[in-house]
Structure formats: structure tokens, C-alpha cells
Amino acid sequence: MLLEDVNDLPISYNIAWYEQKAVLVLLALLSLGIKNIHLGPTLPGFLSPSVAQVIVDKFDLAPIGSVDEDIEALMQ
């Protein structure tokens, strides 16, 4: 089976960004066009509200929730 888009793969990304390496991982995923990334516990403070909104709209970036909510969302 040939996939048209990398986002068709059954992979979930849940990035807890407590150190600078996570920012590089996020930027790498965004550069590849990966969508539906969950990032947290909050969105990075260096993103202005307008830039954050563009990333949310274009890449479906979402904040991390509770453990139970995240497991349920990632298993869908």
C-alpha cells in the first residue's frame, strides 16, 4: 500500500517540552509537514499568539491534556 502523505501513517506525537531538544524535535516535525502534534504542558512561550494560531491552524497543533485524555485521544 502506497501512502500519499506521511500524515496517513498511524503515528501519534506527544511532546513534553521540558528542554531545548524538544523544540528541535517540534521544528523538525513541522518542517516535514507532520500534523496532529500534541505539545505541552503548555505551548511554548516564545510563540507569539499570531504565530501560534498559524501553527495550530496549519498543523493541528494541540496542547497536552491529562494523562487519561491524552491516552484516549492518541488511541483514536
Protein backbone atom coordinates (compact mmCIF):
# COMPACT_ATOMS: atom_id res chain seq x y z
CA MET A 1 0.00 0.00 0.00
CA LEU A 2 1.41 3.36 -1.04
CA LEU A 3 0.64 6.33 1.18
CA GLU A 4 0.04 9.76 -0.32
CA ASP A 5 1.07 11.65 2.83
CA VAL A 6 3.22 10.98 5.88
CA ASN A 7 0.24 12.02 8.00
CA ASP A 8 -1.57 8.87 6.85
CA LEU A 9 0.78 6.77 8.98
CA PRO A 10 -0.72 5.50 12.27
CA ILE A 11 1.69 7.52 14.45
CA SER A 12 0.88 9.87 17.32
CA TYR A 13 3.24 12.56 18.57
CA ASN A 14 3.02 13.71 22.17
CA ILE A 15 5.93 16.00 23.01
CA ALA A 16 6.56 17.14 26.57
CA TRP A 17 8.89 20.02 26.08
CA TYR A 18 10.93 20.45 29.21
CA GLU A 19 14.25 21.01 27.45
CA GLN A 20 15.61 22.62 24.30
CA LYS A 21 15.87 19.35 22.36
CA ALA A 22 12.08 19.14 22.27
CA VAL A 23 11.96 22.46 20.40
CA LEU A 24 14.23 20.96 17.74
CA VAL A 25 12.01 17.89 17.51
CA LEU A 26 8.95 20.12 17.10
CA LEU A 27 10.63 22.20 14.38
CA ALA A 28 11.77 19.05 12.56
CA LEU A 29 8.26 17.58 12.62
CA LEU A 30 6.73 20.85 11.40
CA SER A 31 9.31 21.09 8.59
CA LEU A 32 8.25 17.60 7.45
CA GLY A 33 4.61 18.69 7.43
CA ILE A 34 3.62 16.40 10.31
CA LYS A 35 0.19 17.23 11.72
CA ASN A 36 -1.74 16.46 14.91
CA ILE A 37 1.14 17.02 17.30
CA HIS A 38 0.28 17.35 20.98
CA LEU A 39 2.69 19.62 22.83
CA GLY A 40 2.82 20.61 26.45
CA PRO A 41 2.27 21.00 29.22
CA THR A 42 1.72 24.46 27.66
CA LEU A 43 2.50 25.88 24.26
CA PRO A 44 5.98 27.43 24.09
CA GLY A 45 6.15 30.98 25.45
CA PHE A 46 8.38 32.17 22.60
CA LEU A 47 5.49 31.79 20.14
CA SER A 48 3.52 34.98 19.68
CA PRO A 49 -0.26 34.47 19.70
CA SER A 50 -0.48 35.06 15.94
CA VAL A 51 2.35 32.60 15.12
CA ALA A 52 0.87 30.03 17.49
CA GLN A 53 -2.50 30.39 15.78
CA VAL A 54 -0.96 29.80 12.33
CA ILE A 55 0.74 26.62 13.59
CA VAL A 56 -2.47 25.44 15.25
CA ASP A 57 -4.48 26.11 12.08
CA LYS A 58 -1.97 24.66 9.59
CA PHE A 59 -0.62 21.72 11.59
CA ASP A 60 -3.43 20.96 14.07
CA LEU A 61 -1.07 21.54 17.00
CA ALA A 62 -2.85 20.92 20.30
CA PRO A 63 -1.85 21.21 23.95
CA ILE A 64 -1.30 18.14 26.09
CA GLY A 65 -4.16 17.42 28.49
CA SER A 66 -4.45 14.99 31.35
CA VAL A 67 -2.91 11.53 31.06
CA ASP A 68 -6.30 9.86 30.60
CA GLU A 69 -7.42 12.39 27.99
CA ASP A 70 -4.15 12.09 26.08
CA ILE A 71 -4.21 8.29 26.02
CA GLU A 72 -7.79 8.30 24.76
CA ALA A 73 -7.01 10.91 22.06
CA LEU A 74 -3.84 9.15 20.91
CA MET A 75 -5.56 5.77 20.66
CA GLN A 76 -8.18 7.06 18.22
